[in-house]
Protein backbone atom coordinates (compact mmCIF):
# COMPACT_ATOMS: atom_id res chain seq x y z
CA MET A 1 -0.09 -0.24 0.07
CA VAL A 2 1.40 3.83 -1.34
CA SER A 3 1.65 6.13 1.84
CA LEU A 4 -0.01 9.26 1.47
CA ASP A 5 1.95 11.06 3.98
CA PRO A 6 5.56 12.04 2.17
CA ASN A 7 6.99 12.56 5.17
CA ILE A 8 6.57 8.63 6.23
CA SER A 9 9.38 6.28 4.96
CA GLY A 10 11.60 3.74 5.24
CA PHE A 11 14.88 5.55 5.74
CA ARG A 12 15.85 6.67 9.17
CA PRO A 13 18.45 9.07 9.63
CA VAL A 14 21.59 8.17 11.61
CA ILE A 15 22.98 11.12 13.97
CA ARG A 16 26.53 11.89 12.90
CA GLN A 17 29.26 13.69 15.28
CA LEU A 18 30.86 16.53 13.10
CA ASP A 19 34.46 16.54 12.80
CA ASP A 20 36.16 20.14 13.60
CA ALA A 21 36.12 21.51 10.20
CA ALA A 22 32.65 21.61 9.65
CA ILE A 23 32.31 22.69 13.33
CA ASN A 24 34.86 25.70 13.13
CA ARG A 25 33.00 26.10 9.52
CA ILE A 26 29.44 26.35 11.27
CA ALA A 27 30.79 28.49 14.36
CA ALA A 28 32.47 31.10 11.29
CA GLY A 29 28.86 31.63 10.15
CA GLU A 30 27.91 32.83 13.12
CA VAL A 31 31.08 35.09 14.16
CA VAL A 32 32.05 36.08 11.47
CA GLU A 33 29.36 37.32 9.18
CA ARG A 34 31.78 39.80 6.72
CA PRO A 35 35.02 41.42 7.06
CA ALA A 36 34.05 43.36 9.39
CA SER A 37 32.91 40.82 11.53
CA ALA A 38 36.75 39.71 11.58
CA VAL A 39 38.07 42.70 11.95
CA LYS A 40 36.17 43.62 15.03
CA GLU A 41 37.19 39.95 16.48
CA LEU A 42 40.82 40.68 16.37
CA VAL A 43 41.37 44.21 17.35
CA GLU A 44 38.94 43.25 20.50
CA ASN A 45 42.21 40.69 21.09
CA ALA A 46 44.36 43.41 20.65
CA ILE A 47 43.05 45.21 23.04
CA ASP A 48 42.45 42.28 25.62
CA ALA A 49 45.95 42.00 25.35
CA GLY A 50 46.92 45.52 26.52
CA ALA A 51 47.90 46.93 23.27
CA THR A 52 48.38 50.86 23.34
CA ARG A 53 48.58 50.85 19.35
CA ILE A 54 47.19 49.35 17.17
CA THR A 55 47.43 48.69 12.99
CA VAL A 56 44.82 47.29 10.68
CA ASP A 57 46.07 46.72 6.97
CA ILE A 58 43.28 45.76 4.45
CA ALA A 59 42.85 45.04 1.02
CA ASP A 60 39.81 44.85 -1.67
CA GLY A 61 37.43 45.61 1.74
CA GLY A 62 39.10 43.28 3.66
CA LYS A 63 38.05 40.23 0.94
CA THR A 64 41.92 39.05 0.76
CA LEU A 65 43.70 40.57 3.26
CA ILE A 66 43.08 41.40 7.11
CA ARG A 67 46.31 42.00 9.16
CA VAL A 68 46.47 43.35 12.48
CA THR A 69 49.61 44.54 14.33
CA ASP A 70 49.56 45.31 18.02
CA ASP A 71 52.49 45.90 20.94
CA GLY A 72 50.17 43.46 23.44
CA CYS A 73 51.49 41.21 25.78
CA GLY A 74 51.69 38.37 23.04
CA ILE A 75 51.33 34.63 22.65
CA SER A 76 54.06 31.76 23.99
CA PRO A 77 55.59 29.05 21.28
CA GLU A 78 54.09 26.68 22.97
CA GLN A 79 50.20 28.32 23.26
CA LEU A 80 50.32 29.16 19.58
CA PRO A 81 48.20 25.93 18.84
CA LEU A 82 46.12 26.16 21.40
CA ALA A 83 44.96 29.75 20.54
CA LEU A 84 43.54 28.14 17.15
CA SER A 85 41.59 25.50 19.96
CA ARG A 86 37.84 25.76 19.79
CA HIS A 87 36.74 27.50 23.26
CA ALA A 88 40.54 27.93 24.33
CA THR A 89 40.71 31.23 25.84
CA SER A 90 42.85 33.58 28.05
CA LYS A 91 39.92 35.90 29.22
CA ILE A 92 38.11 33.55 31.45
CA ASP A 93 38.63 30.11 33.90
CA GLY A 94 35.20 28.72 32.54
CA SER A 95 33.39 29.09 36.26
CA ASP A 96 31.47 32.21 36.00
CA LEU A 97 29.89 33.35 32.59
CA LEU A 98 28.72 36.54 34.12
CA ASP A 99 31.49 37.85 35.82
CA ILE A 100 33.25 39.29 31.79
CA HIS A 101 35.96 41.85 32.14
CA THR A 102 37.15 41.13 28.76
CA PHE A 103 36.15 41.91 24.87
CA GLY A 104 36.34 38.08 23.91
CA PHE A 105 35.80 35.25 25.93
CA ARG A 106 33.75 32.29 23.45
CA GLY A 107 37.37 31.38 22.18
CA GLU A 108 36.12 31.05 18.78
CA ALA A 109 37.21 33.84 17.03
CA LEU A 110 40.64 32.30 15.61
CA PRO A 111 39.73 28.72 15.42
CA SER A 112 36.67 30.03 13.11
CA LEU A 113 39.05 32.04 10.74
CA GLY A 114 40.86 29.60 10.07
CA ALA A 115 38.35 27.60 9.40
CA VAL A 116 37.12 29.59 6.28
CA GLY A 117 40.37 31.23 5.70
CA ARG A 118 44.26 31.47 5.46
CA LEU A 119 45.78 32.38 9.10
CA THR A 120 48.84 33.46 9.91
CA ILE A 121 49.65 34.16 13.48
CA THR A 122 53.01 35.84 14.30
CA SER A 123 53.78 36.71 17.92
CA ARG A 124 56.57 37.63 20.65
CA VAL A 125 55.89 37.71 24.44
CA PRO A 126 59.23 39.59 26.74
CA GLY A 127 62.09 37.52 27.16
CA ASP A 128 61.01 34.62 24.68
CA GLU A 129 61.63 33.99 20.76
CA ALA A 130 58.74 35.28 18.31
CA ALA A 131 57.24 32.03 16.75
CA THR A 132 54.65 31.74 14.04
CA ILE A 133 51.52 29.61 12.94
CA ARG A 134 49.60 29.34 9.93
CA VAL A 135 46.45 27.44 9.26
CA ALA A 136 44.26 27.35 6.27
CA GLY A 137 40.93 25.74 5.73
CA GLY A 138 41.32 24.39 9.64
CA GLN A 139 44.56 22.66 8.51
CA ILE A 140 47.35 23.75 11.20
CA GLU A 141 50.97 23.75 10.23
CA PRO A 142 53.71 23.24 12.99
CA VAL A 143 54.77 26.12 14.94
CA LYS A 144 58.26 27.77 13.03
CA PRO A 145 60.40 30.40 14.77
CA ALA A 146 59.66 34.07 12.89
CA ALA A 147 60.91 37.31 13.31
CA LEU A 148 59.32 39.52 15.25
CA ARG A 149 60.19 42.48 17.76
CA SER A 150 56.57 42.65 19.94
CA GLY A 151 53.22 41.96 20.20
CA THR A 152 50.85 40.01 17.68
CA VAL A 153 50.78 40.23 14.03
CA VAL A 154 47.34 38.08 13.22
CA GLU A 155 47.56 38.14 8.84
CA LEU A 156 43.95 36.89 7.73
CA ARG A 157 44.00 35.78 3.67
CA ASP A 158 41.45 35.32 1.16
CA LEU A 159 38.47 35.04 3.81
CA PHE A 160 35.82 32.43 2.54
CA PHE A 161 37.96 30.48 0.56
CA ALA A 162 36.93 27.77 2.05
CA THR A 163 33.13 28.01 1.93
CA PRO A 164 32.92 29.82 -1.68
CA ALA A 165 29.22 30.17 -1.32
CA ARG A 166 29.41 32.87 1.56
CA LEU A 167 31.32 35.35 -1.00
CA LYS A 168 28.37 35.43 -2.90
CA PHE A 169 26.80 37.16 -0.52
CA MET A 170 29.60 39.91 0.18
CA ARG A 171 28.80 43.45 -0.96
CA THR A 172 30.89 45.32 -3.03
CA ASP A 173 34.77 46.24 -2.15
CA ARG A 174 33.62 49.89 -1.01
CA ALA A 175 31.14 48.66 1.17
CA GLU A 176 32.93 45.81 3.10
CA ALA A 177 35.91 48.65 3.25
CA GLN A 178 33.10 50.92 5.43
CA ALA A 179 31.65 48.42 7.32
CA ILE A 180 35.22 48.08 8.32
CA THR A 181 35.65 51.36 9.59
CA ASP A 182 32.59 52.07 10.73
CA THR A 183 33.90 48.70 13.06
CA ILE A 184 37.13 50.82 13.86
CA LYS A 185 35.68 54.04 15.08
CA ARG A 186 33.39 52.52 17.66
CA LEU A 187 36.01 50.46 19.02
CA ALA A 188 38.07 53.60 19.08
CA MET A 189 35.83 55.74 20.89
CA ALA A 190 35.37 52.87 23.29
CA GLU A 191 38.88 52.84 24.07
CA PRO A 192 40.48 56.72 24.16
CA SER A 193 43.78 55.47 25.55
CA ILE A 194 44.46 53.63 22.50
CA GLY A 195 46.06 54.62 18.99
CA MET A 196 44.52 53.29 16.82
CA THR A 197 45.07 53.34 12.58
CA LEU A 198 42.87 52.04 9.69
CA ARG A 199 45.14 51.90 6.21
CA ASP A 200 43.49 50.31 2.81
CA VAL A 201 47.02 48.43 1.00
CA SER A 202 44.73 47.27 -1.91
CA GLY A 203 47.51 46.94 -5.02
CA GLY A 204 50.44 47.09 -2.76
CA GLY A 205 52.61 49.04 -1.66
CA GLU A 206 51.86 51.73 1.63
CA GLY A 207 48.63 52.14 0.89
CA ARG A 208 46.22 55.04 2.35
CA ILE A 209 45.43 55.96 5.76
CA VAL A 210 41.80 55.76 5.91
CA PHE A 211 41.17 56.47 9.94
CA ARG A 212 43.59 57.92 12.37
CA ALA A 213 43.41 58.60 15.80
CA ASP A 214 46.30 58.90 18.14
CA ALA A 215 46.28 58.22 21.66
CA GLU A 216 44.26 60.56 23.86
CA SER A 217 45.64 62.10 27.60
CA GLY A 218 43.90 63.84 30.14
CA ASP A 219 41.35 62.47 32.40
CA LEU A 220 38.38 60.62 30.99
CA PHE A 221 36.06 63.47 29.80
CA ASP A 222 38.53 65.09 28.24
CA ALA A 223 40.48 62.21 26.33
CA LEU A 224 36.50 60.65 25.01
CA HIS A 225 36.00 64.62 24.30
CA ALA A 226 38.62 64.77 21.70
CA ARG A 227 38.38 61.37 20.39
CA LEU A 228 34.52 62.22 19.81
CA ALA A 229 36.08 64.97 17.77
CA ARG A 230 38.46 63.21 16.35
CA VAL A 231 35.45 60.12 15.16
CA ILE A 232 32.31 61.91 14.73
CA GLY A 233 33.81 65.34 13.85
CA ARG A 234 34.84 68.24 15.32
CA GLU A 235 31.23 69.91 15.52
CA PHE A 236 29.48 67.16 17.61
CA ALA A 237 32.09 67.80 20.17
CA GLU A 238 31.26 71.44 19.97
CA ASN A 239 27.63 70.78 20.23
CA ALA A 240 27.49 68.02 22.97
CA LEU A 241 26.66 67.94 26.23
CA ARG A 242 29.04 66.27 28.78
CA ILE A 243 26.68 63.34 30.60
CA GLU A 244 26.85 62.06 33.40
CA ALA A 245 25.05 60.09 36.40
CA ASP A 246 24.79 56.77 38.31
CA ARG A 247 21.78 55.11 39.95
CA GLU A 248 21.44 51.61 41.64
CA GLY A 249 25.18 50.34 40.50
CA ILE A 250 24.74 51.56 36.79
CA ARG A 251 26.65 54.72 35.55
CA LEU A 252 26.39 56.45 32.44
CA TYR A 253 28.58 58.56 30.71
CA GLY A 254 29.66 60.08 27.48
CA TYR A 255 28.02 63.43 25.07
CA ALA A 256 24.81 64.11 23.66
CA ALA A 257 24.08 66.55 20.82
CA LEU A 258 21.77 69.36 21.75
CA PRO A 259 18.62 69.21 19.73
CA THR A 260 19.23 71.62 17.22
CA TYR A 261 22.07 69.47 16.50
CA SER A 262 20.10 66.56 14.64
CA ARG A 263 20.40 64.07 11.80
CA GLY A 264 18.19 63.17 9.59
CA ALA A 265 18.69 59.11 10.11
CA ALA A 266 20.10 57.74 13.21
CA VAL A 267 23.61 57.30 12.19
CA SER A 268 25.15 59.07 14.80
CA GLN A 269 24.62 57.02 17.74
CA TYR A 270 26.90 54.86 19.42
CA LEU A 271 26.12 52.97 22.55
CA PHE A 272 28.63 50.88 24.68
CA VAL A 273 27.80 48.79 27.24
CA ASN A 274 31.05 48.84 30.02
CA GLY A 275 32.83 49.34 27.04
CA ARG A 276 31.40 47.31 24.39
CA PRO A 277 30.09 48.82 21.00
CA VAL A 278 26.02 47.22 21.36
CA ARG A 279 22.80 47.70 19.15
CA ASP A 280 20.70 47.19 21.83
CA LYS A 281 16.68 48.17 21.20
CA MET A 282 16.59 48.73 24.61
CA LEU A 283 19.03 51.37 24.85
CA THR A 284 18.44 53.01 21.30
CA GLY A 285 14.19 53.42 22.40
CA ALA A 286 15.46 55.20 25.50
CA LEU A 287 17.72 57.26 23.72
CA ARG A 288 14.88 58.06 21.52
CA ALA A 289 12.72 58.89 24.04
CA ALA A 290 14.76 61.32 25.94
CA TYR A 291 14.42 63.31 23.02
CA PHE A 292 10.84 62.31 22.11
CA ASP A 293 9.55 65.91 22.92
CA PHE A 294 12.39 67.99 20.98
CA LEU A 295 12.73 66.67 17.79
CA SER A 296 10.01 65.88 14.59
CA ARG A 297 9.88 62.14 13.79
CA ASP A 298 11.87 62.67 10.91
CA ARG A 299 14.85 63.61 12.58
CA HIS A 300 17.17 61.67 15.05
CA PRO A 301 19.89 62.59 17.70
CA ALA A 302 23.25 62.45 18.07
CA ALA A 303 24.94 60.65 21.12
CA ALA A 304 27.74 58.35 22.32
CA LEU A 305 26.75 57.17 25.79
CA PHE A 306 28.70 54.54 27.74
CA VAL A 307 26.61 52.42 30.65
CA ASP A 308 29.40 50.60 33.04
CA CYS A 309 27.84 48.29 35.40
CA ASP A 310 29.26 44.98 37.39
CA PRO A 311 29.47 42.43 34.76
CA THR A 312 26.93 40.12 36.77
CA LEU A 313 24.35 42.53 36.24
CA VAL A 314 24.63 42.59 32.78
CA ASP A 315 24.63 39.16 30.00
CA VAL A 316 26.70 39.62 27.32
CA ASN A 317 26.66 36.07 26.72
CA VAL A 318 22.96 36.41 24.11
CA HIS A 319 24.25 36.66 20.84
CA PRO A 320 27.73 34.67 18.95
CA ALA A 321 28.32 38.20 17.48
CA LYS A 322 28.48 39.58 21.37
CA SER A 323 26.30 42.98 19.92
CA GLU A 324 23.66 42.51 22.18
CA VAL A 325 23.31 42.60 25.99
CA ARG A 326 20.61 41.54 28.25
CA PHE A 327 20.46 43.57 31.80
CA ARG A 328 19.01 42.67 34.60
CA ASP A 329 16.70 45.08 35.37
CA PRO A 330 16.64 46.95 32.34
CA GLY A 331 14.05 49.13 33.58
CA VAL A 332 16.94 51.40 35.84
CA ALA A 333 19.12 51.30 32.88
CA ARG A 334 16.34 52.73 30.73
CA GLY A 335 14.93 55.28 33.02
CA LEU A 336 18.88 56.22 33.75
CA ILE A 337 19.35 57.02 30.22
CA ILE A 338 15.91 59.20 29.85
CA SER A 339 16.33 61.42 33.18
CA THR A 340 19.40 61.86 32.91
CA LEU A 341 19.21 63.13 29.30
CA ARG A 342 16.50 64.93 29.65
CA HIS A 343 17.83 66.71 32.47
CA ALA A 344 21.24 67.62 30.77
CA LEU A 345 19.06 69.00 28.21
CA ALA A 346 16.95 71.27 30.41
CA ASP A 347 20.29 72.84 31.85
CA ALA A 348 21.22 73.40 28.82
CA GLY A 349 18.98 75.91 28.77
CA HIS A 350 18.33 78.25 25.86
CA ARG A 351 21.72 77.14 23.52
CA ALA A 352 21.40 76.17 20.33
CA SER A 353 24.05 74.22 18.40
CA SER A 354 26.83 76.48 16.64
CA THR A 355 26.07 74.85 13.36
CA VAL A 356 23.18 77.20 12.52
CA ALA A 357 25.07 79.72 13.08
CA ASN A 358 28.41 78.70 10.79
CA ALA A 359 24.74 77.83 8.03
CA THR A 360 23.78 81.28 8.50
CA LEU A 361 27.09 82.75 7.88
CA GLY A 362 27.68 80.56 4.87
CA ALA A 363 24.28 81.96 3.74
CA MET A 364 25.28 85.26 3.86
CA ARG A 365 28.73 85.15 2.13
CA PRO A 366 28.46 86.02 -1.96
CA GLU A 367 28.06 83.33 -3.77
CA THR A 368 30.08 84.51 -7.04
CA ALA A 369 34.06 84.47 -6.55
CA PRO A 370 36.02 87.33 -5.94
CA GLN A 371 37.98 88.13 -9.67
CA PRO A 372 41.77 87.23 -8.90
CA GLY A 373 44.19 89.61 -8.61
CA PRO A 374 46.07 91.63 -5.43
CA ALA A 375 44.45 90.88 -1.94
CA ARG A 376 43.35 94.34 -0.56
CA VAL A 377 41.81 94.41 3.24
CA TYR A 378 41.18 97.93 4.67
CA GLN A 379 41.15 97.09 8.14
CA MET A 380 39.61 100.02 10.68
CA ASP A 381 40.50 99.85 14.52
CA ARG A 382 37.40 98.48 16.45
CA PRO A 383 36.62 100.68 19.38
CA SER A 384 35.89 99.55 22.79
CA MET A 385 32.45 98.50 24.27
CA GLY A 386 33.10 101.70 26.51
CA ALA A 387 33.66 103.92 23.35
CA ARG A 388 30.85 102.36 21.01
CA THR A 389 28.77 102.52 23.96
CA ALA A 390 29.34 106.38 24.48
CA ALA A 391 28.84 107.07 20.87
CA TYR A 392 25.54 105.31 20.94
CA ARG A 393 24.59 107.94 23.23
CA ALA A 394 25.87 110.89 21.81
CA GLN A 395 24.27 109.70 18.53
CA ALA A 396 20.84 109.44 19.87
CA PRO A 397 18.15 111.61 19.65
CA GLU A 398 16.08 112.65 22.73
CA PRO A 399 14.09 110.13 24.49
CA MET A 400 10.78 109.53 23.32
CA PRO A 401 7.34 107.61 24.50
CA ALA A 402 7.55 103.90 23.17
CA PRO A 403 5.25 103.61 20.41
CA GLY A 404 2.04 101.93 20.40
CA PHE A 405 0.96 99.57 17.91
CA ALA A 406 -0.98 102.61 16.30
CA GLU A 407 2.02 104.52 15.83
CA LEU A 408 3.80 101.32 14.19
CA SER A 409 1.95 101.37 11.61
CA GLN A 410 3.64 102.91 9.02
CA SER A 411 4.45 101.01 5.40
CA TYR A 412 8.04 99.96 6.49
CA SER A 413 9.32 96.63 7.67
CA GLY A 414 11.16 97.71 10.63
CA GLN A 415 11.80 99.10 13.76
CA MET A 416 14.68 100.47 15.77
CA ILE A 417 14.51 100.93 19.76
CA GLU A 418 17.23 103.18 20.85
CA PRO A 419 20.10 102.34 23.73
CA ALA A 420 18.50 103.88 26.56
CA ALA A 421 14.78 102.59 25.98
CA VAL A 422 16.15 99.62 27.07
CA VAL A 423 18.14 99.46 29.62
CA GLU A 424 15.92 101.59 32.16
CA ASP A 425 14.27 98.68 34.05
CA GLN A 426 17.85 96.76 34.40
CA SER A 427 19.94 97.03 37.25
CA PRO A 428 23.26 98.83 36.78
CA GLU A 429 25.24 96.26 38.05
CA THR A 430 23.83 93.60 34.92
CA PRO A 431 24.42 95.73 31.78
CA VAL A 432 21.37 94.20 29.71
CA GLU A 433 24.15 93.82 26.98
CA GLN A 434 25.58 91.42 29.02
CA LEU A 435 22.27 88.99 29.05
CA PRO A 436 22.91 85.64 27.13
CA LEU A 437 20.18 86.89 24.42
CA GLY A 438 21.54 90.84 24.54
CA ALA A 439 18.78 93.78 24.24
CA ALA A 440 17.04 94.25 21.41
CA ARG A 441 17.80 96.42 18.91
CA GLY A 442 14.80 96.27 15.92
CA GLN A 443 12.58 93.77 14.59
CA VAL A 444 12.65 93.60 10.72
CA HIS A 445 9.66 92.25 8.66
CA GLU A 446 7.51 91.47 11.72
CA ASN A 447 8.77 88.35 12.68
CA TYR A 448 12.19 88.76 13.42
CA ILE A 449 14.13 90.53 16.77
CA ILE A 450 17.57 91.85 16.09
CA ALA A 451 19.51 92.10 19.66
CA GLN A 452 23.01 93.13 20.42
CA THR A 453 24.98 90.92 22.95
CA ALA A 454 28.49 91.62 24.60
CA ASP A 455 30.32 89.95 21.61
CA GLY A 456 27.99 89.73 18.68
CA MET A 457 24.23 90.08 17.76
CA VAL A 458 21.18 87.82 17.59
CA ILE A 459 18.65 86.74 15.15
CA VAL A 460 15.51 85.27 17.10
CA ASP A 461 12.54 84.26 14.73
CA GLN A 462 9.92 85.70 17.62
CA HIS A 463 6.84 83.24 16.58
CA ALA A 464 9.31 80.40 17.07
CA ALA A 465 10.55 81.26 20.44
CA HIS A 466 7.46 82.35 21.93
CA GLU A 467 5.23 79.11 20.35
CA ARG A 468 8.10 77.09 22.51
CA LEU A 469 7.27 78.98 25.70
CA VAL A 470 3.72 78.42 25.55
CA TYR A 471 4.50 74.99 25.28
CA GLU A 472 6.80 74.32 28.00
CA LYS A 473 3.90 75.98 30.13
CA LEU A 474 1.26 74.21 28.92
CA LYS A 475 3.67 71.22 30.01
CA THR A 476 4.56 72.39 33.18
CA GLN A 477 0.68 72.79 33.87
CA MET A 478 -0.34 69.44 32.61
CA ALA A 479 2.53 67.61 34.93
CA GLU A 480 1.10 69.59 37.49
CA ASN A 481 -2.52 68.98 37.38
CA GLY A 482 -2.16 65.25 35.59
CA VAL A 483 -3.83 64.52 31.97
CA ALA A 484 -8.09 64.87 32.72
CA ALA A 485 -9.28 61.53 31.63
CA GLN A 486 -12.74 61.70 29.54
CA ALA A 487 -15.72 58.16 30.75
CA LEU A 488 -16.52 56.40 28.07
CA LEU A 489 -20.55 56.26 28.64
CA ILE A 490 -19.92 52.46 27.09
CA PRO A 491 -16.89 51.14 27.78
CA GLU A 492 -15.23 49.77 24.32
CA ILE A 493 -14.50 46.12 24.29
CA VAL A 494 -11.17 44.92 22.31
CA GLU A 495 -10.43 41.30 21.55
CA LEU A 496 -6.97 40.65 21.22
CA THR A 497 -4.77 37.35 20.94
CA GLU A 498 -3.57 36.11 24.71
CA CYS A 499 0.34 37.59 23.74
CA ASP A 500 -0.93 41.35 22.59
CA CYS A 501 -3.20 41.36 25.81
CA ALA A 502 -0.66 40.62 28.19
CA ARG A 503 1.27 42.87 26.90
CA LEU A 504 -0.45 45.63 26.88
CA LEU A 505 -1.73 45.38 30.17
CA ASP A 506 1.12 45.35 31.28
CA VAL A 507 2.36 49.32 30.39
CA ALA A 508 -1.61 50.11 31.68
CA GLU A 509 -0.98 51.83 34.44
CA HIS A 510 1.92 53.81 32.10
CA LEU A 511 -0.99 54.31 30.11
CA SER A 512 -3.56 55.84 33.22
CA LYS A 513 -0.88 58.44 33.59
CA LEU A 514 -1.56 59.58 30.16
CA GLY A 515 -5.78 59.47 30.75
CA LEU A 516 -5.79 56.13 28.69
CA THR A 517 -7.67 53.68 31.11
CA LEU A 518 -8.29 50.00 30.41
CA GLU A 519 -8.21 46.73 32.21
CA ALA A 520 -9.06 43.29 31.74
CA PHE A 521 -12.30 42.02 30.74
CA GLY A 522 -12.33 38.08 30.62
CA GLY A 523 -10.39 36.12 28.35
CA ASN A 524 -8.26 37.75 25.56
CA ALA A 525 -10.20 40.91 26.15
CA VAL A 526 -9.82 44.46 27.76
CA ALA A 527 -11.87 47.45 28.25
CA VAL A 528 -11.33 50.76 27.61
CA ARG A 529 -12.93 52.47 30.11
CA GLU A 530 -11.44 56.40 29.95
CA THR A 531 -9.57 58.06 27.41
CA PRO A 532 -7.93 61.49 27.14
CA ALA A 533 -10.52 64.32 27.00
CA ILE A 534 -8.08 66.53 25.34
CA LEU A 535 -7.99 63.89 22.35
CA GLY A 536 -11.68 64.83 22.13
CA GLU A 537 -13.57 61.49 20.21
CA VAL A 538 -10.99 58.76 19.75
CA ASN A 539 -10.99 55.94 18.05
CA ALA A 540 -10.14 53.33 21.06
CA ARG A 541 -9.74 50.11 18.96
CA ALA A 542 -7.73 51.80 16.41
CA MET A 543 -5.71 53.43 19.48
CA ILE A 544 -4.99 50.21 21.15
CA LEU A 545 -3.80 48.21 18.00
CA ASP A 546 -1.28 51.39 17.46
CA ILE A 547 -0.12 51.05 20.90
CA LEU A 548 0.57 47.04 20.09
CA ASP A 549 2.31 47.80 16.89
CA GLU A 550 4.37 50.52 18.46
CA LEU A 551 5.29 48.29 21.61
CA ALA A 552 6.28 44.94 19.03
CA ASP A 553 8.43 47.07 17.21
CA GLN A 554 10.25 49.46 19.99
CA GLY A 555 9.54 47.70 23.33
CA GLU A 556 8.04 50.81 24.16
CA SER A 557 4.89 52.86 23.09
CA GLN A 558 4.74 56.84 23.02
CA MET A 559 1.98 57.45 20.87
CA VAL A 560 -0.61 58.51 23.39
CA GLN A 561 1.74 61.10 24.49
CA ALA A 562 2.89 61.86 21.14
CA GLN A 563 -1.10 62.59 20.14
CA ILE A 564 -1.37 64.95 23.67
CA GLU A 565 2.08 66.71 23.58
CA ALA A 566 0.80 67.05 19.41
CA ILE A 567 -2.41 68.84 20.88
CA LEU A 568 -0.34 70.76 23.29
CA SER A 569 1.83 71.77 20.70
CA ARG A 570 -1.11 73.15 17.95
CA VAL A 571 -2.72 75.03 21.17
CA ALA A 572 0.98 76.77 22.08
CA CYS A 573 0.84 77.70 18.15
CA HIS A 574 -2.75 79.26 18.14
CA GLY A 575 -1.51 80.84 21.01
CA SER A 576 1.68 82.68 20.32
CA ILE A 577 3.34 85.60 19.17
CA ARG A 578 2.51 85.68 15.20
CA SER A 579 3.91 86.26 12.54
CA GLY A 580 3.79 90.13 11.37
CA ARG A 581 2.88 91.51 14.52
CA ARG A 582 5.04 94.11 15.76
CA MET A 583 6.23 94.49 18.95
CA ARG A 584 7.13 97.30 21.43
CA GLY A 585 10.88 97.16 22.86
CA GLU A 586 9.71 96.35 26.26
CA GLU A 587 7.54 93.22 24.95
CA MET A 588 10.20 92.08 23.07
CA ASN A 589 12.92 92.31 25.80
CA ALA A 590 10.64 91.07 28.17
CA LEU A 591 10.61 87.52 25.05
CA LEU A 592 14.39 87.56 25.42
CA ARG A 593 14.30 87.40 28.90
CA GLU A 594 11.60 84.17 29.09
CA MET A 595 13.60 82.09 26.94
CA GLU A 596 16.96 82.95 29.10
CA ALA A 597 14.88 81.40 31.64
CA THR A 598 13.08 78.69 29.87
CA PRO A 599 14.84 75.64 29.28
CA HIS A 600 15.23 74.26 25.56
CA SER A 601 13.57 76.96 24.27
CA GLY A 602 16.44 77.31 22.22
CA GLN A 603 14.57 74.84 19.51
CA CYS A 604 10.50 75.30 18.64
CA ASN A 605 8.76 72.55 18.80
CA HIS A 606 9.84 70.96 15.99
CA GLY A 607 13.22 70.79 16.67
CA ARG A 608 14.41 73.81 14.60
CA PRO A 609 16.39 76.79 16.01
CA THR A 610 14.25 79.66 17.73
CA TYR A 611 17.52 81.68 17.32
CA VAL A 612 20.95 81.93 15.27
CA GLU A 613 23.75 84.12 16.93
CA LEU A 614 26.51 85.57 14.98
CA LYS A 615 29.72 86.94 17.12
CA LEU A 616 31.16 90.19 15.97
CA ALA A 617 34.72 88.86 14.85
CA ASP A 618 32.34 86.63 12.32
CA ILE A 619 30.38 89.67 11.61
CA GLU A 620 33.53 91.45 10.79
CA ARG A 621 34.61 88.45 8.53
CA LEU A 622 31.77 89.48 6.36
CA PHE A 623 33.15 92.76 5.34
CA GLY A 624 36.57 91.80 5.15
CA ARG A 625 37.50 93.38 7.81
CA SER A 626 39.38 90.72 10.02
């Protein structure tokens, strides 16, 4: 009789023990995904060896050559064969897999690389002779004497030659080289005291230096700041806030950029746990939540944050590539990141990024290049602040009463405020020009306030600035009084799957603080009893499903809060000073003083700057006076 089930046959599979070569090739598929993975493993080994200088040479995007040279402690000749054995490591003794203080600990990288490529290790320990060992496709050759002054040189050629199918999944040489560069930069940020150099030697010769970062000196923050300026860029370093806090055994430090220094994609977010570069969804979600109220949905914050804690509080043995971690108490780490960043952003007050001023100066420069010829600069001596103030007063007309709105109805688009009229309400100890946003000197196009500071000028977008001030007041009122909830006459019952129901009830307490009250209704259903009153009539089922989608994708939901704050933002927009309104001098100065006293006033509700500051030296350069 013919069997109708194709899975039933007379063949009985036999269980076999795979040989070491096959085991190593399988392990290589998990540990070494691409040339950048091999570079990461080898550089981490060099760091664990105590190296102070690491040089990486690559050719053809790392496909034909990866050579890592370090000045670390080295490997003795008798230990070289053991270094190529699986699960042989000097990092741990195996008694406690949670107490890990090094980058590597699995003992899989070198044998995996030797199984899929041609690997050569040359090393020398102090007081001993140098030796070398080679392995190709899993076949190990005997140890031989070699010439090397100190440290270790690991050379990997023809990656994946033993598994040709993997080569088909490699990207272009440029893409693989870019991935290697990104890997080196992340490791360089984690270790500011170690000098790192990446060199492309494709085609032979000395090659070209792709990236170089010399060892930084000074304390932790000074060295880290200098290294971040070298790796991410000087603009980031100039516009980054120092971050430092600890809670329940977890320490957070690093630098986070101002909201006005944001990116169009999450390409400048670097997170480290105990010095290890990671890509953790919980940590990136916390970073996004901290900037949630300061950036629009299409902008992303820039930051380099380091989380340090006892190794027993975090499990790094989650993924073979060690790119994911798991905290024993993720809520503490997440809360620490959010609260610390928000406090730092609040302490920054009205500060805006310097890139805004640079862009403004660039827009002011003439587009046509000057004609060639001998350059002539007519330089005038710049008078002192006291001389300029005396000149202003000597040239000022007799003080007149402040004009009202009726007197400002002429058909011009600017008004000037006399210096004497703006300082009368200020204490003599603090001249108004010495304040951060200075003294209002005029209004142009009925939308922009021009203010003079001690060493430059400030241009303020009056509508955007006042919109932020009103928005912050509304948020403060909501935080003090809570979110008003509107009870549904008939609770809406939403049927869910068992998993979705449990996930939603886990965040029910958080949602209730935002005015969305729900409870279990038996089985896999939830009953929505209250919704935020400020949202008006809402589709409760659609809202619940959107919240679940966000929880599944990001592990958290900010949709309800986003909708509430979007309403507050619209209210603030309609209730703020409109573009086109002419303001009196005292009104403009009052706005400037309130901006100085209000956190986050340097950007509007959408993350755009509310003012531009130009230094006097930059302005003079525009006119060729420097």
